[in-house]
Amino acid sequence: MSDQLVWNIGLTLVFVGFVIAFIAVVLLLFKSFKNKEGKMRGGGAIIIGFIPIVFGTDKESVKLILVLSIILVVLLLIWVVFSYRFF
C-alpha cells in the first residue's frame, strides 16, 4: 500500500468516527426530550493499556459496560499477540 492511500484511509476513519460520535450525541439529545420521567442512565469506560476503568449511574449500566470493556480488552490482547507473530 502506498503512503498516500494509508493516509487517506486513516483520515477517512477519523472523520467517520467524529460523524458517528456527533450523530450519537444528537440522538441522545432527542431521546432526552422524549423522556418525561427525568431519569437518565448511562456510563462509560476508560481503557488505559489493558486496564478498564468503568463508571456509571446505576448497576445495570456498569455491568454492561464492564462486560463490553472486558471483551474489548480481550480483542486488543488477541490483536497484539497476532500482530507480533506476523511482523
C-alpha atoms as a PDB file:
ATOM      1  CA  MET A   1       0.000   0.000   0.000  1.00  0.00           C
ATOM      2  CA  SER A   2       1.220   3.445  -0.748  1.00  0.00           C
ATOM      3  CA  ASP A   3       1.687   6.044   1.954  1.00  0.00           C
ATOM      4  CA  GLN A   4      -0.953   8.298   0.413  1.00  0.00           C
ATOM      5  CA  LEU A   5      -3.568   5.525   0.440  1.00  0.00           C
ATOM      6  CA  VAL A   6      -2.878   4.679   4.102  1.00  0.00           C
ATOM      7  CA  TRP A   7      -3.068   8.392   4.985  1.00  0.00           C
ATOM      8  CA  ASN A   8      -6.423   8.742   3.185  1.00  0.00           C
ATOM      9  CA  ILE A   9      -7.857   5.639   4.853  1.00  0.00           C
ATOM     10  CA  GLY A  10      -6.764   6.844   8.297  1.00  0.00           C
ATOM     11  CA  LEU A  11      -8.134  10.334   7.748  1.00  0.00           C
ATOM     12  CA  THR A  12     -11.427   8.912   6.493  1.00  0.00           C
ATOM     13  CA  LEU A  13     -11.748   6.650   9.545  1.00  0.00           C
ATOM     14  CA  VAL A  14     -11.117   9.580  11.899  1.00  0.00           C
ATOM     15  CA  PHE A  15     -13.722  11.663  10.088  1.00  0.00           C
ATOM     16  CA  VAL A  16     -16.256   8.808  10.191  1.00  0.00           C
ATOM     17  CA  GLY A  17     -15.604   8.412  13.917  1.00  0.00           C
ATOM     18  CA  PHE A  18     -16.358  12.082  14.542  1.00  0.00           C
ATOM     19  CA  VAL A  19     -19.536  11.867  12.476  1.00  0.00           C
ATOM     20  CA  ILE A  20     -20.727   8.791  14.387  1.00  0.00           C
ATOM     21  CA  ALA A  21     -19.999  10.480  17.723  1.00  0.00           C
ATOM     22  CA  PHE A  22     -21.893  13.608  16.632  1.00  0.00           C
ATOM     23  CA  ILE A  23     -24.901  11.565  15.495  1.00  0.00           C
ATOM     24  CA  ALA A  24     -24.887   9.668  18.809  1.00  0.00           C
ATOM     25  CA  VAL A  25     -24.938  12.912  20.785  1.00  0.00           C
ATOM     26  CA  VAL A  26     -27.791  14.321  18.691  1.00  0.00           C
ATOM     27  CA  LEU A  27     -29.823  11.112  19.079  1.00  0.00           C
ATOM     28  CA  LEU A  28     -29.218  11.140  22.839  1.00  0.00           C
ATOM     29  CA  LEU A  29     -30.357  14.750  22.981  1.00  0.00           C
ATOM     30  CA  PHE A  30     -33.601  13.940  21.159  1.00  0.00           C
ATOM     31  CA  LYS A  31     -34.175  10.905  23.373  1.00  0.00           C
ATOM     32  CA  SER A  32     -33.780  13.036  26.489  1.00  0.00           C
ATOM     33  CA  PHE A  33     -36.540  15.355  25.273  1.00  0.00           C
ATOM     34  CA  LYS A  34     -38.905  12.381  24.922  1.00  0.00           C
ATOM     35  CA  ASN A  35     -38.071  11.066  28.397  1.00  0.00           C
ATOM     36  CA  LYS A  36     -40.750  12.531  30.685  1.00  0.00           C
ATOM     37  CA  GLU A  37     -39.593  10.691  33.825  1.00  0.00           C
ATOM     38  CA  GLY A  38     -36.405  12.699  34.104  1.00  0.00           C
ATOM     39  CA  LYS A  39     -34.291   9.627  34.804  1.00  0.00           C
ATOM     40  CA  MET A  40     -31.264   9.044  32.632  1.00  0.00           C
ATOM     41  CA  ARG A  41     -28.995   6.019  32.725  1.00  0.00           C
ATOM     42  CA  GLY A  42     -25.535   5.793  31.356  1.00  0.00           C
ATOM     43  CA  GLY A  43     -21.904   5.213  31.938  1.00  0.00           C
ATOM     44  CA  GLY A  44     -18.549   4.904  30.317  1.00  0.00           C
ATOM     45  CA  ALA A  45     -15.199   3.203  30.332  1.00  0.00           C
ATOM     46  CA  ILE A  46     -11.665   4.473  30.129  1.00  0.00           C
ATOM     47  CA  ILE A  47      -9.228   1.831  28.979  1.00  0.00           C
ATOM     48  CA  ILE A  48      -5.601   2.540  29.845  1.00  0.00           C
ATOM     49  CA  GLY A  49      -3.412  -0.152  28.365  1.00  0.00           C
ATOM     50  CA  PHE A  50      -5.219  -3.334  29.279  1.00  0.00           C
ATOM     51  CA  ILE A  51      -6.970  -1.991  32.392  1.00  0.00           C
ATOM     52  CA  PRO A  52     -10.602  -0.839  32.049  1.00  0.00           C
ATOM     53  CA  ILE A  53     -11.873   1.835  34.435  1.00  0.00           C
ATOM     54  CA  VAL A  54     -15.684   1.694  34.415  1.00  0.00           C
ATOM     55  CA  PHE A  55     -18.181   4.221  35.759  1.00  0.00           C
ATOM     56  CA  GLY A  56     -21.941   4.600  35.523  1.00  0.00           C
ATOM     57  CA  THR A  57     -25.142   5.870  37.063  1.00  0.00           C
ATOM     58  CA  ASP A  58     -26.648   2.500  38.023  1.00  0.00           C
ATOM     59  CA  LYS A  59     -25.600  -1.124  38.473  1.00  0.00           C
ATOM     60  CA  GLU A  60     -27.068  -2.355  35.187  1.00  0.00           C
ATOM     61  CA  SER A  61     -25.145   0.222  33.161  1.00  0.00           C
ATOM     62  CA  VAL A  62     -21.902  -0.554  34.965  1.00  0.00           C
ATOM     63  CA  LYS A  63     -22.331  -4.309  34.423  1.00  0.00           C
ATOM     64  CA  LEU A  64     -22.998  -3.875  30.708  1.00  0.00           C
ATOM     65  CA  ILE A  65     -20.085  -1.507  30.204  1.00  0.00           C
ATOM     66  CA  LEU A  66     -17.790  -3.769  32.235  1.00  0.00           C
ATOM     67  CA  VAL A  67     -18.652  -6.765  30.043  1.00  0.00           C
ATOM     68  CA  LEU A  68     -18.154  -4.727  26.866  1.00  0.00           C
ATOM     69  CA  SER A  69     -14.836  -3.318  28.071  1.00  0.00           C
ATOM     70  CA  ILE A  70     -13.569  -6.796  29.011  1.00  0.00           C
ATOM     71  CA  ILE A  71     -14.491  -8.023  25.522  1.00  0.00           C
ATOM     72  CA  LEU A  72     -12.647  -5.041  24.039  1.00  0.00           C
ATOM     73  CA  VAL A  73      -9.535  -5.740  26.151  1.00  0.00           C
ATOM     74  CA  VAL A  74      -9.571  -9.417  25.116  1.00  0.00           C
ATOM     75  CA  LEU A  75      -9.836  -8.410  21.448  1.00  0.00           C
ATOM     76  CA  LEU A  76      -6.983  -5.958  21.964  1.00  0.00           C
ATOM     77  CA  LEU A  77      -4.823  -8.689  23.514  1.00  0.00           C
ATOM     78  CA  ILE A  78      -5.582 -11.043  20.619  1.00  0.00           C
ATOM     79  CA  TRP A  79      -4.713  -8.317  18.138  1.00  0.00           C
ATOM     80  CA  VAL A  80      -1.406  -7.566  19.885  1.00  0.00           C
ATOM     81  CA  VAL A  81      -0.408 -11.253  20.002  1.00  0.00           C
ATOM     82  CA  PHE A  82      -1.195 -11.833  16.332  1.00  0.00           C
ATOM     83  CA  SER A  83       0.394  -8.599  15.153  1.00  0.00           C
ATOM     84  CA  TYR A  84       3.706  -9.552  16.818  1.00  0.00           C
ATOM     85  CA  ARG A  85       3.587 -13.007  15.240  1.00  0.00           C
ATOM     86  CA  PHE A  86       3.271 -11.686  11.704  1.00  0.00           C
ATOM     87  CA  PHE A  87       5.896  -8.954  11.995  1.00  0.00           C
END
